[in-house]
Amino acid sequence: MQKYIIERDIPGVDKLNPAELKGAAQTSNAALAQVGAERVQWVESFVTPDKTFCVYLAQDEDAVREHARLSGFPANKITPVAGMISPSTAN
């Protein structure tokens, strides 16, 4: 599967309390179950002011869009990851 970064514009997301974030994760998980783990998997998300940046593994962008449609969370920008570097890359 291809790794993707999904940018979601969600005004106020950084102000959600833990219970609201839990509910959002449950909504996302329910949509993931509908799409199927063989098509799309959620790795992690980063919450920033008015946005989330999510890391997904997916068969293709259509699987990411289907998850967005089912969950109700926008996928404003879907970017395939071409590679990765970290501090250990310098060694």
PDB file of N, CA and C in Angstrom:
ATOM      1  N   MET A   1       0.845  -1.188   0.000  1.00  0.00           N
ATOM      2  CA  MET A   1       0.000   0.000   0.000  1.00  0.00           C
ATOM      3  C   MET A   1       0.886   1.246   0.000  1.00  0.00           C
ATOM      4  N   GLN A   2       0.347   2.306  -0.560  1.00  0.00           N
ATOM      5  CA  GLN A   2       1.019   3.604  -0.636  1.00  0.00           C
ATOM      6  C   GLN A   2       0.753   4.377   0.659  1.00  0.00           C
ATOM      7  N   LYS A   3       1.741   5.119   1.137  1.00  0.00           N
ATOM      8  CA  LYS A   3       1.554   6.001   2.285  1.00  0.00           C
ATOM      9  C   LYS A   3       1.121   7.368   1.776  1.00  0.00           C
ATOM     10  N   TYR A   4       0.136   7.979   2.450  1.00  0.00           N
ATOM     11  CA  TYR A   4      -0.385   9.294   2.095  1.00  0.00           C
ATOM     12  C   TYR A   4      -0.420  10.200   3.315  1.00  0.00           C
ATOM     13  N   ILE A   5      -0.249  11.491   3.064  1.00  0.00           N
ATOM     14  CA  ILE A   5      -0.515  12.526   4.059  1.00  0.00           C
ATOM     15  C   ILE A   5      -1.803  13.204   3.620  1.00  0.00           C
ATOM     16  N   ILE A   6      -2.784  13.233   4.518  1.00  0.00           N
ATOM     17  CA  ILE A   6      -4.073  13.862   4.215  1.00  0.00           C
ATOM     18  C   ILE A   6      -4.196  15.117   5.062  1.00  0.00           C
ATOM     19  N   GLU A   7      -4.399  16.243   4.400  1.00  0.00           N
ATOM     20  CA  GLU A   7      -4.617  17.508   5.084  1.00  0.00           C
ATOM     21  C   GLU A   7      -6.118  17.750   5.151  1.00  0.00           C
ATOM     22  N   ARG A   8      -6.604  17.948   6.377  1.00  0.00           N
ATOM     23  CA  ARG A   8      -8.041  18.171   6.581  1.00  0.00           C
ATOM     24  C   ARG A   8      -8.250  19.544   7.213  1.00  0.00           C
ATOM     25  N   ASP A   9      -9.006  20.400   6.561  1.00  0.00           N
ATOM     26  CA  ASP A   9      -9.376  21.695   7.135  1.00  0.00           C
ATOM     27  C   ASP A   9     -10.598  21.483   8.024  1.00  0.00           C
ATOM     28  N   ILE A  10     -10.386  21.599   9.340  1.00  0.00           N
ATOM     29  CA  ILE A  10     -11.461  21.403  10.303  1.00  0.00           C
ATOM     30  C   ILE A  10     -11.387  22.545  11.323  1.00  0.00           C
ATOM     31  N   PRO A  11     -12.106  23.627  11.079  1.00  0.00           N
ATOM     32  CA  PRO A  11     -12.050  24.759  12.001  1.00  0.00           C
ATOM     33  C   PRO A  11     -12.349  24.343  13.440  1.00  0.00           C
ATOM     34  N   GLY A  12     -11.480  24.781  14.365  1.00  0.00           N
ATOM     35  CA  GLY A  12     -11.676  24.501  15.785  1.00  0.00           C
ATOM     36  C   GLY A  12     -11.231  23.132  16.252  1.00  0.00           C
ATOM     37  N   VAL A  13     -10.670  22.301  15.381  1.00  0.00           N
ATOM     38  CA  VAL A  13     -10.298  20.941  15.777  1.00  0.00           C
ATOM     39  C   VAL A  13      -9.308  20.945  16.939  1.00  0.00           C
ATOM     40  N   ASP A  14      -8.461  21.965  16.991  1.00  0.00           N
ATOM     41  CA  ASP A  14      -7.471  22.043  18.064  1.00  0.00           C
ATOM     42  C   ASP A  14      -8.093  22.382  19.418  1.00  0.00           C
ATOM     43  N   LYS A  15      -9.357  22.735  19.423  1.00  0.00           N
ATOM     44  CA  LYS A  15     -10.043  23.081  20.666  1.00  0.00           C
ATOM     45  C   LYS A  15     -10.946  21.952  21.166  1.00  0.00           C
ATOM     46  N   LEU A  16     -10.973  20.822  20.454  1.00  0.00           N
ATOM     47  CA  LEU A  16     -11.794  19.701  20.893  1.00  0.00           C
ATOM     48  C   LEU A  16     -11.227  19.110  22.175  1.00  0.00           C
ATOM     49  N   ASN A  17     -12.126  18.701  23.060  1.00  0.00           N
ATOM     50  CA  ASN A  17     -11.687  18.071  24.302  1.00  0.00           C
ATOM     51  C   ASN A  17     -11.444  16.585  24.060  1.00  0.00           C
ATOM     52  N   PRO A  18     -10.862  15.894  25.033  1.00  0.00           N
ATOM     53  CA  PRO A  18     -10.560  14.470  24.828  1.00  0.00           C
ATOM     54  C   PRO A  18     -11.771  13.615  24.446  1.00  0.00           C
ATOM     55  N   ALA A  19     -12.921  13.893  25.005  1.00  0.00           N
ATOM     56  CA  ALA A  19     -14.117  13.118  24.659  1.00  0.00           C
ATOM     57  C   ALA A  19     -14.524  13.356  23.210  1.00  0.00           C
ATOM     58  N   GLU A  20     -14.389  14.593  22.742  1.00  0.00           N
ATOM     59  CA  GLU A  20     -14.731  14.907  21.354  1.00  0.00           C
ATOM     60  C   GLU A  20     -13.725  14.275  20.393  1.00  0.00           C
ATOM     61  N   LEU A  21     -12.454  14.280  20.761  1.00  0.00           N
ATOM     62  CA  LEU A  21     -11.445  13.616  19.922  1.00  0.00           C
ATOM     63  C   LEU A  21     -11.700  12.111  19.875  1.00  0.00           C
ATOM     64  N   LYS A  22     -12.090  11.542  20.999  1.00  0.00           N
ATOM     65  CA  LYS A  22     -12.427  10.114  21.036  1.00  0.00           C
ATOM     66  C   LYS A  22     -13.581   9.823  20.090  1.00  0.00           C
ATOM     67  N   GLY A  23     -14.607  10.674  20.112  1.00  0.00           N
ATOM     68  CA  GLY A  23     -15.743  10.497  19.210  1.00  0.00           C
ATOM     69  C   GLY A  23     -15.339  10.601  17.745  1.00  0.00           C
ATOM     70  N   ALA A  24     -14.442  11.547  17.447  1.00  0.00           N
ATOM     71  CA  ALA A  24     -13.961  11.691  16.071  1.00  0.00           C
ATOM     72  C   ALA A  24     -13.208  10.436  15.642  1.00  0.00           C
ATOM     73  N   ALA A  25     -12.379   9.894  16.534  1.00  0.00           N
ATOM     74  CA  ALA A  25     -11.634   8.668  16.221  1.00  0.00           C
ATOM     75  C   ALA A  25     -12.589   7.495  16.018  1.00  0.00           C
ATOM     76  N   GLN A  26     -13.629   7.430  16.823  1.00  0.00           N
ATOM     77  CA  GLN A  26     -14.608   6.349  16.659  1.00  0.00           C
ATOM     78  C   GLN A  26     -15.337   6.465  15.319  1.00  0.00           C
ATOM     79  N   THR A  27     -15.678   7.680  14.926  1.00  0.00           N
ATOM     80  CA  THR A  27     -16.317   7.913  13.627  1.00  0.00           C
ATOM     81  C   THR A  27     -15.392   7.483  12.496  1.00  0.00           C
ATOM     82  N   SER A  28     -14.120   7.866  12.603  1.00  0.00           N
ATOM     83  CA  SER A  28     -13.141   7.494  11.588  1.00  0.00           C
ATOM     84  C   SER A  28     -12.979   5.979  11.516  1.00  0.00           C
ATOM     85  N   ASN A  29     -12.870   5.331  12.682  1.00  0.00           N
ATOM     86  CA  ASN A  29     -12.709   3.873  12.710  1.00  0.00           C
ATOM     87  C   ASN A  29     -13.900   3.154  12.088  1.00  0.00           C
ATOM     88  N   ALA A  30     -15.102   3.669  12.325  1.00  0.00           N
ATOM     89  CA  ALA A  30     -16.296   3.054  11.735  1.00  0.00           C
ATOM     90  C   ALA A  30     -16.252   3.164  10.209  1.00  0.00           C
ATOM     91  N   ALA A  31     -15.823   4.311   9.699  1.00  0.00           N
ATOM     92  CA  ALA A  31     -15.697   4.489   8.240  1.00  0.00           C
ATOM     93  C   ALA A  31     -14.608   3.582   7.680  1.00  0.00           C
ATOM     94  N   LEU A  32     -13.491   3.463   8.402  1.00  0.00           N
ATOM     95  CA  LEU A  32     -12.414   2.570   7.970  1.00  0.00           C
ATOM     96  C   LEU A  32     -12.911   1.137   7.856  1.00  0.00           C
ATOM     97  N   ALA A  33     -13.710   0.708   8.811  1.00  0.00           N
ATOM     98  CA  ALA A  33     -14.251  -0.654   8.787  1.00  0.00           C
ATOM     99  C   ALA A  33     -15.141  -0.867   7.565  1.00  0.00           C
ATOM    100  N   GLN A  34     -15.876   0.169   7.162  1.00  0.00           N
ATOM    101  CA  GLN A  34     -16.739   0.063   5.980  1.00  0.00           C
ATOM    102  C   GLN A  34     -15.916  -0.038   4.700  1.00  0.00           C
ATOM    103  N   VAL A  35     -14.858   0.757   4.624  1.00  0.00           N
ATOM    104  CA  VAL A  35     -14.024   0.743   3.418  1.00  0.00           C
ATOM    105  C   VAL A  35     -13.213  -0.548   3.352  1.00  0.00           C
ATOM    106  N   GLY A  36     -12.721  -1.000   4.502  1.00  0.00           N
ATOM    107  CA  GLY A  36     -11.981  -2.255   4.566  1.00  0.00           C
ATOM    108  C   GLY A  36     -10.488  -2.047   4.761  1.00  0.00           C
ATOM    109  N   ALA A  37      -9.917  -2.808   5.689  1.00  0.00           N
ATOM    110  CA  ALA A  37      -8.490  -2.688   6.020  1.00  0.00           C
ATOM    111  C   ALA A  37      -7.589  -3.046   4.846  1.00  0.00           C
ATOM    112  N   GLU A  38      -8.100  -3.802   3.900  1.00  0.00           N
ATOM    113  CA  GLU A  38      -7.284  -4.133   2.723  1.00  0.00           C
ATOM    114  C   GLU A  38      -7.180  -2.954   1.759  1.00  0.00           C
ATOM    115  N   ARG A  39      -8.034  -1.917   1.959  1.00  0.00           N
ATOM    116  CA  ARG A  39      -8.008  -0.733   1.082  1.00  0.00           C
ATOM    117  C   ARG A  39      -7.420   0.501   1.740  1.00  0.00           C
ATOM    118  N   VAL A  40      -7.644   0.656   3.060  1.00  0.00           N
ATOM    119  CA  VAL A  40      -7.175   1.877   3.735  1.00  0.00           C
ATOM    120  C   VAL A  40      -6.963   1.614   5.223  1.00  0.00           C
ATOM    121  N   GLN A  41      -5.877   2.188   5.750  1.00  0.00           N
ATOM    122  CA  GLN A  41      -5.547   2.070   7.175  1.00  0.00           C
ATOM    123  C   GLN A  41      -5.081   3.430   7.687  1.00  0.00           C
ATOM    124  N   TRP A  42      -5.531   3.793   8.865  1.00  0.00           N
ATOM    125  CA  TRP A  42      -5.143   5.042   9.513  1.00  0.00           C
ATOM    126  C   TRP A  42      -3.944   4.755  10.391  1.00  0.00           C
ATOM    127  N   VAL A  43      -2.866   5.498  10.218  1.00  0.00           N
ATOM    128  CA  VAL A  43      -1.654   5.302  11.017  1.00  0.00           C
ATOM    129  C   VAL A  43      -1.648   6.255  12.208  1.00  0.00           C
ATOM    130  N   GLU A  44      -1.767   7.556  11.946  1.00  0.00           N
ATOM    131  CA  GLU A  44      -1.798   8.555  13.013  1.00  0.00           C
ATOM    132  C   GLU A  44      -2.211   9.888  12.431  1.00  0.00           C
ATOM    133  N   SER A  45      -2.577  10.809  13.332  1.00  0.00           N
ATOM    134  CA  SER A  45      -2.950  12.160  12.916  1.00  0.00           C
ATOM    135  C   SER A  45      -2.328  13.173  13.859  1.00  0.00           C
ATOM    136  N   PHE A  46      -2.037  14.336  13.302  1.00  0.00           N
ATOM    137  CA  PHE A  46      -1.487  15.450  14.057  1.00  0.00           C
ATOM    138  C   PHE A  46      -2.505  16.580  14.028  1.00  0.00           C
ATOM    139  N   VAL A  47      -2.890  17.059  15.204  1.00  0.00           N
ATOM    140  CA  VAL A  47      -3.877  18.126  15.326  1.00  0.00           C
ATOM    141  C   VAL A  47      -3.134  19.451  15.436  1.00  0.00           C
ATOM    142  N   THR A  48      -3.483  20.385  14.565  1.00  0.00           N
ATOM    143  CA  THR A  48      -2.904  21.729  14.563  1.00  0.00           C
ATOM    144  C   THR A  48      -4.071  22.723  14.561  1.00  0.00           C
ATOM    145  N   PRO A  49      -3.799  24.008  14.730  1.00  0.00           N
ATOM    146  CA  PRO A  49      -4.908  24.960  14.671  1.00  0.00           C
ATOM    147  C   PRO A  49      -5.698  24.839  13.361  1.00  0.00           C
ATOM    148  N   ASP A  50      -6.955  24.470  13.502  1.00  0.00           N
ATOM    149  CA  ASP A  50      -7.918  24.399  12.395  1.00  0.00           C
ATOM    150  C   ASP A  50      -7.613  23.362  11.318  1.00  0.00           C
ATOM    151  N   LYS A  51      -6.693  22.423  11.584  1.00  0.00           N
ATOM    152  CA  LYS A  51      -6.353  21.390  10.600  1.00  0.00           C
ATOM    153  C   LYS A  51      -5.905  20.121  11.310  1.00  0.00           C
ATOM    154  N   THR A  52      -6.025  19.021  10.595  1.00  0.00           N
ATOM    155  CA  THR A  52      -5.310  17.810  10.982  1.00  0.00           C
ATOM    156  C   THR A  52      -4.487  17.360   9.782  1.00  0.00           C
ATOM    157  N   PHE A  53      -3.366  16.730  10.084  1.00  0.00           N
ATOM    158  CA  PHE A  53      -2.520  16.105   9.079  1.00  0.00           C
ATOM    159  C   PHE A  53      -2.479  14.633   9.435  1.00  0.00           C
ATOM    160  N   CYS A  54      -3.023  13.796   8.562  1.00  0.00           N
ATOM    161  CA  CYS A  54      -3.194  12.381   8.855  1.00  0.00           C
ATOM    162  C   CYS A  54      -2.286  11.537   7.973  1.00  0.00           C
ATOM    163  N   VAL A  55      -1.743  10.498   8.560  1.00  0.00           N
ATOM    164  CA  VAL A  55      -0.925   9.545   7.820  1.00  0.00           C
ATOM    165  C   VAL A  55      -1.776   8.298   7.610  1.00  0.00           C
ATOM    166  N   TYR A  56      -1.936   7.919   6.353  1.00  0.00           N
ATOM    167  CA  TYR A  56      -2.731   6.750   5.994  1.00  0.00           C
ATOM    168  C   TYR A  56      -1.918   5.840   5.086  1.00  0.00           C
ATOM    169  N   LEU A  57      -2.236   4.576   5.123  1.00  0.00           N
ATOM    170  CA  LEU A  57      -1.795   3.618   4.116  1.00  0.00           C
ATOM    171  C   LEU A  57      -3.034   3.272   3.312  1.00  0.00           C
ATOM    172  N   ALA A  58      -2.926   3.329   1.989  1.00  0.00           N
ATOM    173  CA  ALA A  58      -4.113   3.059   1.180  1.00  0.00           C
ATOM    174  C   ALA A  58      -3.721   2.479  -0.169  1.00  0.00           C
ATOM    175  N   GLN A  59      -4.671   1.754  -0.745  1.00  0.00           N
ATOM    176  CA  GLN A  59      -4.481   1.207  -2.091  1.00  0.00           C
ATOM    177  C   GLN A  59      -4.298   2.316  -3.100  1.00  0.00           C
ATOM    178  N   ASP A  60      -5.109   3.380  -2.930  1.00  0.00           N
ATOM    179  CA  ASP A  60      -5.083   4.495  -3.871  1.00  0.00           C
ATOM    180  C   ASP A  60      -5.824   5.678  -3.259  1.00  0.00           C
ATOM    181  N   GLU A  61      -5.798   6.803  -3.946  1.00  0.00           N
ATOM    182  CA  GLU A  61      -6.471   8.002  -3.442  1.00  0.00           C
ATOM    183  C   GLU A  61      -7.980   7.805  -3.336  1.00  0.00           C
ATOM    184  N   ASP A  62      -8.557   6.980  -4.192  1.00  0.00           N
ATOM    185  CA  ASP A  62     -10.001   6.739  -4.134  1.00  0.00           C
ATOM    186  C   ASP A  62     -10.414   6.135  -2.794  1.00  0.00           C
ATOM    187  N   ALA A  63      -9.583   5.277  -2.224  1.00  0.00           N
ATOM    188  CA  ALA A  63      -9.884   4.687  -0.920  1.00  0.00           C
ATOM    189  C   ALA A  63      -9.862   5.759   0.169  1.00  0.00           C
ATOM    190  N   VAL A  64      -8.936   6.687   0.064  1.00  0.00           N
ATOM    191  CA  VAL A  64      -8.864   7.795   1.021  1.00  0.00           C
ATOM    192  C   VAL A  64     -10.105   8.674   0.877  1.00  0.00           C
ATOM    193  N   ARG A  65     -10.506   8.961  -0.357  1.00  0.00           N
ATOM    194  CA  ARG A  65     -11.695   9.781  -0.595  1.00  0.00           C
ATOM    195  C   ARG A  65     -12.967   9.088  -0.099  1.00  0.00           C
ATOM    196  N   GLU A  66     -13.031   7.776  -0.273  1.00  0.00           N
ATOM    197  CA  GLU A  66     -14.202   7.023   0.216  1.00  0.00           C
ATOM    198  C   GLU A  66     -14.282   7.119   1.731  1.00  0.00           C
ATOM    199  N   HIS A  67     -13.152   6.988   2.408  1.00  0.00           N
ATOM    200  CA  HIS A  67     -13.147   7.137   3.871  1.00  0.00           C
ATOM    201  C   HIS A  67     -13.624   8.532   4.260  1.00  0.00           C
ATOM    202  N   ALA A  68     -13.141   9.561   3.556  1.00  0.00           N
ATOM    203  CA  ALA A  68     -13.547  10.935   3.852  1.00  0.00           C
ATOM    204  C   ALA A  68     -15.057  11.098   3.676  1.00  0.00           C
ATOM    205  N   ARG A  69     -15.586  10.542   2.609  1.00  0.00           N
ATOM    206  CA  ARG A  69     -17.032  10.644   2.353  1.00  0.00           C
ATOM    207  C   ARG A  69     -17.833   9.967   3.458  1.00  0.00           C
ATOM    208  N   LEU A  70     -17.427   8.770   3.842  1.00  0.00           N
ATOM    209  CA  LEU A  70     -18.167   8.021   4.856  1.00  0.00           C
ATOM    210  C   LEU A  70     -18.043   8.632   6.253  1.00  0.00           C
ATOM    211  N   SER A  71     -16.876   9.168   6.562  1.00  0.00           N
ATOM    212  CA  SER A  71     -16.643   9.713   7.901  1.00  0.00           C
ATOM    213  C   SER A  71     -17.188  11.130   8.054  1.00  0.00           C
ATOM    214  N   GLY A  72     -17.299  11.843   6.938  1.00  0.00           N
ATOM    215  CA  GLY A  72     -17.708  13.240   7.007  1.00  0.00           C
ATOM    216  C   GLY A  72     -16.557  14.191   7.270  1.00  0.00           C
ATOM    217  N   PHE A  73     -15.333  13.667   7.333  1.00  0.00           N
ATOM    218  CA  PHE A  73     -14.150  14.495   7.529  1.00  0.00           C
ATOM    219  C   PHE A  73     -13.554  14.824   6.159  1.00  0.00           C
ATOM    220  N   PRO A  74     -13.289  16.095   5.891  1.00  0.00           N
ATOM    221  CA  PRO A  74     -12.792  16.458   4.566  1.00  0.00           C
ATOM    222  C   PRO A  74     -11.388  15.907   4.312  1.00  0.00           C
ATOM    223  N   ALA A  75     -11.078  15.678   3.068  1.00  0.00           N
ATOM    224  CA  ALA A  75      -9.716  15.348   2.633  1.00  0.00           C
ATOM    225  C   ALA A  75      -9.336  16.440   1.642  1.00  0.00           C
ATOM    226  N   ASN A  76      -8.964  17.607   2.175  1.00  0.00           N
ATOM    227  CA  ASN A  76      -8.713  18.776   1.347  1.00  0.00           C
ATOM    228  C   ASN A  76      -7.503  18.616   0.441  1.00  0.00           C
ATOM    229  N   LYS A  77      -6.500  17.899   0.929  1.00  0.00           N
ATOM    230  CA  LYS A  77      -5.312  17.654   0.121  1.00  0.00           C
ATOM    231  C   LYS A  77      -4.791  16.264   0.448  1.00  0.00           C
ATOM    232  N   ILE A  78      -4.587  15.461  -0.581  1.00  0.00           N
ATOM    233  CA  ILE A  78      -4.060  14.103  -0.429  1.00  0.00           C
ATOM    234  C   ILE A  78      -2.728  14.059  -1.162  1.00  0.00           C
ATOM    235  N   THR A  79      -1.666  13.774  -0.410  1.00  0.00           N
ATOM    236  CA  THR A  79      -0.329  13.788  -0.987  1.00  0.00           C
ATOM    237  C   THR A  79       0.332  12.424  -0.796  1.00  0.00           C
ATOM    238  N   PRO A  80       0.716  11.759  -1.874  1.00  0.00           N
ATOM    239  CA  PRO A  80       1.450  10.498  -1.730  1.00  0.00           C
ATOM    240  C   PRO A  80       2.851  10.775  -1.196  1.00  0.00           C
ATOM    241  N   VAL A  81       3.316   9.939  -0.279  1.00  0.00           N
ATOM    242  CA  VAL A  81       4.652  10.077   0.289  1.00  0.00           C
ATOM    243  C   VAL A  81       5.645   9.380  -0.648  1.00  0.00           C
ATOM    244  N   ALA A  82       6.647  10.140  -1.079  1.00  0.00           N
ATOM    245  CA  ALA A  82       7.649   9.603  -2.003  1.00  0.00           C
ATOM    246  C   ALA A  82       8.819   8.956  -1.271  1.00  0.00           C
ATOM    247  N   GLY A  83       9.059   9.356  -0.041  1.00  0.00           N
ATOM    248  CA  GLY A  83      10.171   8.815   0.731  1.00  0.00           C
ATOM    249  C   GLY A  83      10.169   9.425   2.111  1.00  0.00           C
ATOM    250  N   MET A  84      11.144   9.025   2.912  1.00  0.00           N
ATOM    251  CA  MET A  84      11.225   9.508   4.279  1.00  0.00           C
ATOM    252  C   MET A  84      12.675   9.754   4.645  1.00  0.00           C
ATOM    253  N   ILE A  85      12.905  10.800   5.434  1.00  0.00           N
ATOM    254  CA  ILE A  85      14.209  11.021   6.018  1.00  0.00           C
ATOM    255  C   ILE A  85      14.023  11.349   7.492  1.00  0.00           C
ATOM    256  N   SER A  86      15.055  11.167   8.276  1.00  0.00           N
ATOM    257  CA  SER A  86      15.040  11.487   9.696  1.00  0.00           C
ATOM    258  C   SER A  86      16.473  11.813  10.095  1.00  0.00           C
ATOM    259  N   PRO A  87      16.695  12.200  11.347  1.00  0.00           N
ATOM    260  CA  PRO A  87      18.070  12.466  11.771  1.00  0.00           C
ATOM    261  C   PRO A  87      18.998  11.279  11.537  1.00  0.00           C
ATOM    262  N   SER A  88      18.475  10.074  11.622  1.00  0.00           N
ATOM    263  CA  SER A  88      19.336   8.893  11.413  1.00  0.00           C
ATOM    264  C   SER A  88      19.767   8.737   9.960  1.00  0.00           C
ATOM    265  N   THR A  89      19.090   9.419   9.037  1.00  0.00           N
ATOM    266  CA  THR A  89      19.488   9.365   7.624  1.00  0.00           C
ATOM    267  C   THR A  89      20.898   9.922   7.448  1.00  0.00           C
ATOM    268  N   ALA A  90      21.319  10.820   8.330  1.00  0.00           N
ATOM    269  CA  ALA A  90      22.639  11.442   8.237  1.00  0.00           C
ATOM    270  C   ALA A  90      23.764  10.494   8.644  1.00  0.00           C
ATOM    271  N   ASN A  91      23.433   9.405   9.307  1.00  0.00           N
ATOM    272  CA  ASN A  91      24.467   8.464   9.775  1.00  0.00           C
ATOM    273  C   ASN A  91      24.915   7.511   8.695  1.00  0.00           C
TER     274      ASN A  91
END
